N, C-alpha and C. Protein backbone atom coordinates (compact mmCIF):
# COMPACT_ATOMS: atom_id res chain seq x y z
N MET A 1 98.38 98.06 109.85
CA MET A 1 98.39 96.85 109.06
C MET A 1 97.92 95.63 109.84
N ALA A 2 98.08 95.65 111.12
CA ALA A 2 97.80 94.47 111.94
C ALA A 2 96.41 93.85 111.70
N PRO A 3 95.34 94.64 111.55
CA PRO A 3 94.04 94.01 111.34
C PRO A 3 93.94 93.19 110.05
N TYR A 4 94.82 93.46 109.10
CA TYR A 4 94.77 92.78 107.81
C TYR A 4 95.71 91.58 107.73
N ILE A 5 96.57 91.42 108.72
CA ILE A 5 97.51 90.31 108.73
C ILE A 5 96.87 89.13 109.46
N SER A 6 96.75 88.01 108.75
CA SER A 6 96.10 86.85 109.37
C SER A 6 97.11 85.88 109.96
N ALA A 7 98.37 85.92 109.49
CA ALA A 7 99.39 85.01 110.02
C ALA A 7 100.77 85.51 109.61
N LYS A 8 101.77 84.95 110.27
CA LYS A 8 103.16 85.25 109.91
C LYS A 8 103.90 83.92 109.89
N ARG A 9 104.51 83.62 108.73
CA ARG A 9 105.24 82.36 108.58
C ARG A 9 106.60 82.64 107.96
N LYS A 10 107.65 82.19 108.64
CA LYS A 10 109.02 82.35 108.16
C LYS A 10 109.32 83.81 107.82
N GLY A 11 108.83 84.72 108.66
CA GLY A 11 109.09 86.14 108.46
C GLY A 11 108.25 86.80 107.38
N ILE A 12 107.29 86.08 106.83
CA ILE A 12 106.42 86.63 105.78
C ILE A 12 105.03 86.82 106.36
N HIS A 13 104.47 88.02 106.17
CA HIS A 13 103.12 88.31 106.65
C HIS A 13 102.10 87.80 105.63
N ILE A 14 101.13 87.06 106.09
CA ILE A 14 100.04 86.55 105.26
C ILE A 14 98.84 87.46 105.51
N ILE A 15 98.36 88.12 104.45
CA ILE A 15 97.27 89.07 104.65
C ILE A 15 95.91 88.41 104.42
N ASN A 16 94.90 88.99 105.04
CA ASN A 16 93.52 88.55 104.90
C ASN A 16 92.95 89.20 103.63
N LEU A 17 92.88 88.44 102.53
CA LEU A 17 92.45 89.00 101.26
C LEU A 17 90.99 89.41 101.24
N ASN A 18 90.13 88.72 101.96
CA ASN A 18 88.72 89.11 102.00
C ASN A 18 88.56 90.49 102.61
N ARG A 19 89.21 90.71 103.73
CA ARG A 19 89.11 92.00 104.40
C ARG A 19 89.79 93.10 103.57
N THR A 20 90.94 92.79 103.02
CA THR A 20 91.67 93.76 102.19
C THR A 20 90.84 94.16 100.98
N ALA A 21 90.25 93.20 100.29
CA ALA A 21 89.45 93.47 99.09
C ALA A 21 88.25 94.35 99.42
N ARG A 22 87.59 94.07 100.53
CA ARG A 22 86.42 94.85 100.92
C ARG A 22 86.78 96.32 101.14
N PHE A 23 87.84 96.56 101.91
CA PHE A 23 88.22 97.93 102.21
C PHE A 23 88.83 98.63 101.00
N LEU A 24 89.53 97.89 100.13
CA LEU A 24 90.06 98.49 98.92
C LEU A 24 88.92 98.93 98.00
N SER A 25 87.88 98.12 97.92
CA SER A 25 86.71 98.47 97.12
C SER A 25 86.04 99.74 97.66
N GLU A 26 85.90 99.84 98.97
CA GLU A 26 85.32 101.04 99.59
C GLU A 26 86.18 102.26 99.31
N ALA A 27 87.50 102.10 99.40
CA ALA A 27 88.41 103.22 99.14
C ALA A 27 88.29 103.68 97.68
N CYS A 28 88.21 102.73 96.76
CA CYS A 28 88.06 103.08 95.35
C CYS A 28 86.77 103.84 95.10
N ASP A 29 85.69 103.42 95.73
CA ASP A 29 84.41 104.12 95.60
C ASP A 29 84.51 105.56 96.11
N LEU A 30 85.17 105.75 97.25
CA LEU A 30 85.33 107.10 97.81
C LEU A 30 86.17 107.99 96.89
N VAL A 31 87.25 107.44 96.35
CA VAL A 31 88.10 108.21 95.45
C VAL A 31 87.33 108.55 94.17
N PHE A 32 86.61 107.60 93.62
CA PHE A 32 85.82 107.85 92.41
C PHE A 32 84.79 108.95 92.65
N ASP A 33 84.08 108.87 93.77
CA ASP A 33 83.07 109.89 94.08
C ASP A 33 83.71 111.27 94.23
N ALA A 34 84.83 111.34 94.93
CA ALA A 34 85.51 112.62 95.13
C ALA A 34 86.00 113.18 93.79
N ALA A 35 86.57 112.33 92.96
CA ALA A 35 87.08 112.78 91.66
C ALA A 35 85.94 113.26 90.77
N SER A 36 84.80 112.58 90.82
CA SER A 36 83.66 112.99 89.99
C SER A 36 83.08 114.33 90.43
N LYS A 37 83.38 114.73 91.66
CA LYS A 37 82.94 116.04 92.17
C LYS A 37 84.01 117.11 92.00
N GLY A 38 85.11 116.76 91.31
CA GLY A 38 86.17 117.72 91.04
C GLY A 38 87.11 117.98 92.20
N LYS A 39 87.10 117.10 93.18
CA LYS A 39 88.00 117.26 94.32
C LYS A 39 89.45 117.06 93.88
N GLN A 40 90.38 117.69 94.61
CA GLN A 40 91.80 117.55 94.31
C GLN A 40 92.41 116.51 95.24
N PHE A 41 93.52 115.93 94.79
CA PHE A 41 94.22 114.91 95.56
C PHE A 41 95.68 115.29 95.71
N LEU A 42 96.26 114.91 96.81
CA LEU A 42 97.70 115.03 97.02
C LEU A 42 98.23 113.62 97.11
N ILE A 43 99.09 113.26 96.18
CA ILE A 43 99.66 111.91 96.15
C ILE A 43 100.99 111.95 96.87
N VAL A 44 101.15 111.09 97.87
CA VAL A 44 102.33 111.12 98.74
C VAL A 44 103.08 109.80 98.67
N GLY A 45 104.40 109.90 98.59
CA GLY A 45 105.27 108.72 98.65
C GLY A 45 106.28 108.92 99.76
N THR A 46 106.56 107.89 100.52
CA THR A 46 107.47 108.02 101.65
C THR A 46 108.77 107.25 101.47
N LYS A 47 108.92 106.60 100.36
CA LYS A 47 110.13 105.82 100.09
C LYS A 47 110.79 106.34 98.81
N ASN A 48 112.12 106.34 98.78
CA ASN A 48 112.84 106.83 97.60
C ASN A 48 112.45 106.07 96.34
N LYS A 49 112.27 104.77 96.45
CA LYS A 49 111.96 103.98 95.25
C LYS A 49 110.56 104.26 94.72
N GLU A 50 109.71 104.95 95.49
CA GLU A 50 108.37 105.30 95.04
C GLU A 50 108.34 106.61 94.28
N ALA A 51 109.40 107.39 94.34
CA ALA A 51 109.39 108.76 93.83
C ALA A 51 108.94 108.84 92.37
N ASP A 52 109.50 108.02 91.50
CA ASP A 52 109.13 108.08 90.08
C ASP A 52 107.66 107.72 89.87
N SER A 53 107.18 106.70 90.55
CA SER A 53 105.78 106.29 90.40
C SER A 53 104.82 107.35 90.92
N VAL A 54 105.16 107.94 92.05
CA VAL A 54 104.31 108.98 92.63
C VAL A 54 104.28 110.20 91.72
N ALA A 55 105.44 110.62 91.24
CA ALA A 55 105.50 111.78 90.34
C ALA A 55 104.73 111.51 89.06
N TRP A 56 104.86 110.30 88.49
CA TRP A 56 104.16 109.95 87.26
C TRP A 56 102.64 109.95 87.48
N ALA A 57 102.19 109.34 88.58
CA ALA A 57 100.75 109.28 88.87
C ALA A 57 100.18 110.68 89.03
N ALA A 58 100.89 111.54 89.73
CA ALA A 58 100.42 112.91 89.93
C ALA A 58 100.38 113.67 88.61
N LEU A 59 101.42 113.52 87.81
CA LEU A 59 101.48 114.21 86.52
C LEU A 59 100.34 113.78 85.62
N CYS A 60 100.06 112.49 85.56
CA CYS A 60 98.98 111.96 84.72
C CYS A 60 97.62 112.52 85.13
N GLN A 61 97.45 112.78 86.41
CA GLN A 61 96.16 113.25 86.91
C GLN A 61 96.10 114.76 87.09
N GLY A 62 97.21 115.45 86.81
CA GLY A 62 97.24 116.90 86.99
C GLY A 62 97.15 117.29 88.45
N GLU A 63 97.68 116.45 89.32
CA GLU A 63 97.62 116.69 90.76
C GLU A 63 99.01 116.98 91.31
N ASP A 64 99.05 117.39 92.57
CA ASP A 64 100.31 117.65 93.25
C ASP A 64 100.84 116.35 93.85
N ALA A 65 102.16 116.32 94.05
CA ALA A 65 102.79 115.14 94.64
C ALA A 65 103.80 115.58 95.68
N ALA A 66 104.00 114.75 96.69
CA ALA A 66 105.01 115.00 97.71
C ALA A 66 105.80 113.72 97.92
N MET A 67 107.12 113.85 97.86
CA MET A 67 107.98 112.69 98.08
C MET A 67 108.97 113.02 99.18
N ASP A 68 109.22 112.08 100.04
CA ASP A 68 110.21 112.23 101.11
C ASP A 68 111.49 111.57 100.63
N ALA A 69 112.38 112.37 100.07
CA ALA A 69 113.61 111.80 99.50
C ALA A 69 114.79 111.99 100.41
């Protein structure tokens, strides 16, 4: 995360939105290309509060999911 954090104020990390947006766009392009070629995905969640969202996302896409509960 460090490369994307531009400052820290009062215990809050301020992220670099320009850099984040660029890399998020690249990631979306890679996922879209892989999905269009029929590639499979494993959706992973590492926090208990993510379990429902991860399971729902995987179910909607017909993919596998792994949660660390």
